[in-house]
Protein backbone atom coordinates (compact mmCIF):
# COMPACT_ATOMS: atom_id res chain seq x y z
CA UNK A 1 99.41 96.78 119.41
CA UNK A 2 96.89 96.83 122.23
CA UNK A 3 93.44 95.36 122.26
CA UNK A 4 91.18 97.67 124.22
CA UNK A 5 90.35 96.98 127.85
CA UNK A 6 86.95 95.77 129.05
CA UNK A 7 84.22 97.87 127.47
CA UNK A 8 80.54 98.36 128.01
CA UNK A 9 78.90 95.57 125.97
CA UNK A 10 77.04 96.46 122.79
CA UNK A 11 73.26 96.53 122.86
CA UNK A 12 71.76 93.43 121.29
CA UNK A 13 69.85 94.04 118.08
CA UNK A 14 71.20 97.59 117.63
CA UNK A 15 74.11 98.83 115.54
CA UNK A 16 77.33 99.01 117.56
CA UNK A 17 78.18 102.44 118.92
CA UNK A 18 81.58 103.95 118.12
CA UNK A 19 81.28 105.94 121.36
CA UNK A 20 80.87 102.81 123.51
CA UNK A 21 83.23 103.43 126.44
CA UNK A 22 85.32 101.28 128.71
CA UNK A 23 83.74 99.94 131.88
CA UNK A 24 85.17 101.31 135.15
CA UNK A 25 87.36 98.20 135.47
CA UNK A 26 88.51 98.76 131.87
CA UNK A 27 89.56 102.31 132.71
CA UNK A 28 91.50 100.96 135.71
CA UNK A 29 93.16 98.33 133.50
CA UNK A 30 94.17 101.02 130.98
CA UNK A 31 95.77 103.06 133.78
CA UNK A 32 97.57 99.98 135.10
CA UNK A 33 98.83 99.10 131.60
CA UNK A 34 100.30 102.55 130.94
CA UNK A 35 103.65 101.95 132.69
CA UNK A 36 104.22 98.75 130.70
CA UNK A 37 103.48 100.54 127.42
CA UNK A 38 105.61 103.57 128.28
CA UNK A 39 108.63 101.27 128.81
CA UNK A 40 108.69 100.70 125.02
CA UNK A 41 109.20 104.47 124.48
CA UNK A 42 106.86 104.78 121.50
CA UNK A 43 107.40 107.73 119.18
CA UNK A 44 103.66 107.98 118.50
CA UNK A 45 100.36 106.70 119.85
CA UNK A 46 97.83 105.72 117.20
CA UNK A 47 94.33 104.41 117.78
CA UNK A 48 91.12 103.33 116.23
CA UNK A 49 88.69 106.24 116.44
CA UNK A 50 86.32 104.08 118.50
CA UNK A 51 86.24 105.44 122.05
CA UNK A 52 87.09 102.21 123.86
CA UNK A 53 90.40 101.92 121.96
CA UNK A 54 91.29 105.58 122.52
CA UNK A 55 90.53 105.29 126.24
CA UNK A 56 92.83 102.27 126.50
CA UNK A 57 95.93 104.02 125.12
CA UNK A 58 95.20 107.52 126.44
CA UNK A 59 96.92 107.00 129.85
CA UNK A 60 100.15 105.87 128.17
CA UNK A 61 99.97 108.76 125.70
CA UNK A 62 99.50 111.22 128.57
CA UNK A 63 102.47 109.75 130.46
CA UNK A 64 104.58 110.16 127.31
CA UNK A 65 103.34 113.68 126.61
CA UNK A 66 101.92 112.53 123.26
CA UNK A 67 98.55 112.99 121.63
CA UNK A 68 96.45 110.00 120.59
CA UNK A 69 96.20 110.16 116.80
CA UNK A 70 93.18 108.34 115.40
CA UNK A 71 93.26 106.50 112.09
CA UNK A 72 89.99 105.19 110.66
CA UNK A 73 91.71 102.13 109.20
CA UNK A 74 92.46 100.90 112.76
CA UNK A 75 88.74 100.55 113.58
CA UNK A 76 87.21 97.21 114.47
CA UNK A 77 85.88 94.76 111.89
CA UNK A 78 82.61 95.87 110.37
CA UNK A 79 80.93 92.47 109.93
CA UNK A 80 77.53 93.66 108.72
CA UNK A 81 75.92 91.99 111.73
CA UNK A 82 73.94 93.50 114.56
CA UNK A 83 75.14 92.46 118.01
CA UNK A 84 73.16 89.35 118.94
CA UNK A 85 73.09 86.50 121.42
CA UNK A 86 74.38 84.14 118.69
CA UNK A 87 77.34 86.36 117.76
CA UNK A 88 79.85 83.59 118.50
CA UNK A 89 78.31 81.20 115.96
CA UNK A 90 78.27 83.96 113.34
CA UNK A 91 81.88 84.89 114.01
CA UNK A 92 82.89 81.22 113.86
CA UNK A 93 81.20 80.98 110.45
CA UNK A 94 83.07 84.09 109.30
CA UNK A 95 86.44 82.67 110.41
CA UNK A 96 85.59 79.43 108.56
CA UNK A 97 84.65 81.46 105.43
CA UNK A 98 86.95 84.53 105.53
CA UNK A 99 86.31 85.54 101.91
CA UNK A 100 82.58 85.90 102.52
CA UNK A 101 80.76 88.83 104.10
CA UNK A 102 77.43 89.20 105.85
CA UNK A 103 75.24 91.47 103.72
CA UNK A 104 77.07 94.74 103.07
CA UNK A 105 79.64 94.00 105.79
CA UNK A 106 83.37 93.53 105.49
CA UNK A 107 84.76 90.03 105.00
CA UNK A 108 87.59 88.90 107.24
CA UNK A 109 89.85 88.74 104.18
CA UNK A 110 89.01 92.40 103.49
CA UNK A 111 89.80 93.21 107.14
CA UNK A 112 93.14 91.40 106.84
CA UNK A 113 93.96 93.48 103.75
CA UNK A 114 92.94 96.70 105.59
CA UNK A 115 95.08 95.72 108.59
CA UNK A 116 98.02 95.00 106.27
CA UNK A 117 97.66 98.43 104.66
CA UNK A 118 97.54 100.02 108.12
CA UNK A 119 100.75 98.21 109.12
CA UNK A 120 102.42 99.33 105.89
CA UNK A 121 101.35 102.93 106.54
CA UNK A 122 102.74 102.77 110.09
CA UNK A 123 106.05 101.42 108.77
CA UNK A 124 106.17 104.14 106.11
CA UNK A 125 105.26 107.05 108.38
CA UNK A 126 107.28 105.88 111.40
CA UNK A 127 110.33 104.08 109.98
CA UNK A 128 112.58 102.51 112.61
CA UNK A 129 110.31 103.74 115.42
CA UNK A 130 108.19 102.02 118.01
CA UNK A 131 104.53 102.97 117.68
CA UNK A 132 101.79 102.18 120.18
CA UNK A 133 98.53 101.22 118.46
CA UNK A 134 95.17 100.90 120.22
CA UNK A 135 92.62 98.77 118.43
CA UNK A 136 90.29 95.79 118.77
CA UNK A 137 90.38 92.01 119.04
CA UNK A 138 89.34 91.00 115.55
CA UNK A 139 91.38 93.78 113.95
CA UNK A 140 94.44 92.83 115.99
CA UNK A 141 94.03 89.14 115.11
CA UNK A 142 93.81 89.94 111.41
CA UNK A 143 96.80 92.35 111.68
CA UNK A 144 98.81 89.47 113.14
CA UNK A 145 97.74 87.34 110.16
CA UNK A 146 98.76 90.14 107.78
CA UNK A 147 102.15 90.19 109.54
CA UNK A 148 102.59 86.45 108.88
CA UNK A 149 101.50 84.99 112.20
CA UNK A 150 99.32 81.88 112.39
CA UNK A 151 96.23 83.12 114.20
CA UNK A 152 92.83 81.43 114.29
CA UNK A 153 89.38 82.00 115.75
CA UNK A 154 90.30 80.24 119.00
CA UNK A 155 93.19 82.68 119.46
CA UNK A 156 90.95 85.66 118.74
CA UNK A 157 88.15 84.44 121.00
CA UNK A 158 90.56 83.82 123.89
CA UNK A 159 92.35 87.18 123.64
CA UNK A 160 92.03 89.04 126.95
CA UNK A 161 90.97 92.65 127.39
CA UNK A 162 93.40 94.37 127.31
CA UNK A 163 95.99 92.38 125.38
CA UNK A 164 99.37 93.50 124.08
CA UNK A 165 101.01 92.02 120.98
CA UNK A 166 104.26 93.11 119.37
CA UNK A 167 104.55 93.26 115.59
CA UNK A 168 107.94 94.00 114.10
CA UNK A 169 107.91 95.34 110.56
């Protein structure tokens, strides 16, 4: 699983944009990462439908001669919060209270369940195969939790862009 490379930041006070792209240095990082990802010989390349995740795995998919297949369940956490200057305090609160959601947003426990279902679907549709998955930091952290790894907010907050984590199912 790959966390997307450096993206254009969201606009404060406005809903996040699914078409928010990678920055030029993020596009360069995605190109540089492709050889490392290709070494794993994935049978498929899946991604969140959000542009920054697709752009991160697209160079590897192209090198493999594969299409990027988007799955909506691989999208980033939908916290019910507008991007704001105090996002870190709000995320910290959410990690301290994972069963609770902001307004009509998704709780972190709900995200963990969604990530677990996505992992189960990958295992079902691609048994005994390596699959490259492009997604996002909070999603990836909660997928690691769903896979039984001890991940916390400090881990999530410190995750670089891009980041690669292997999950064996």
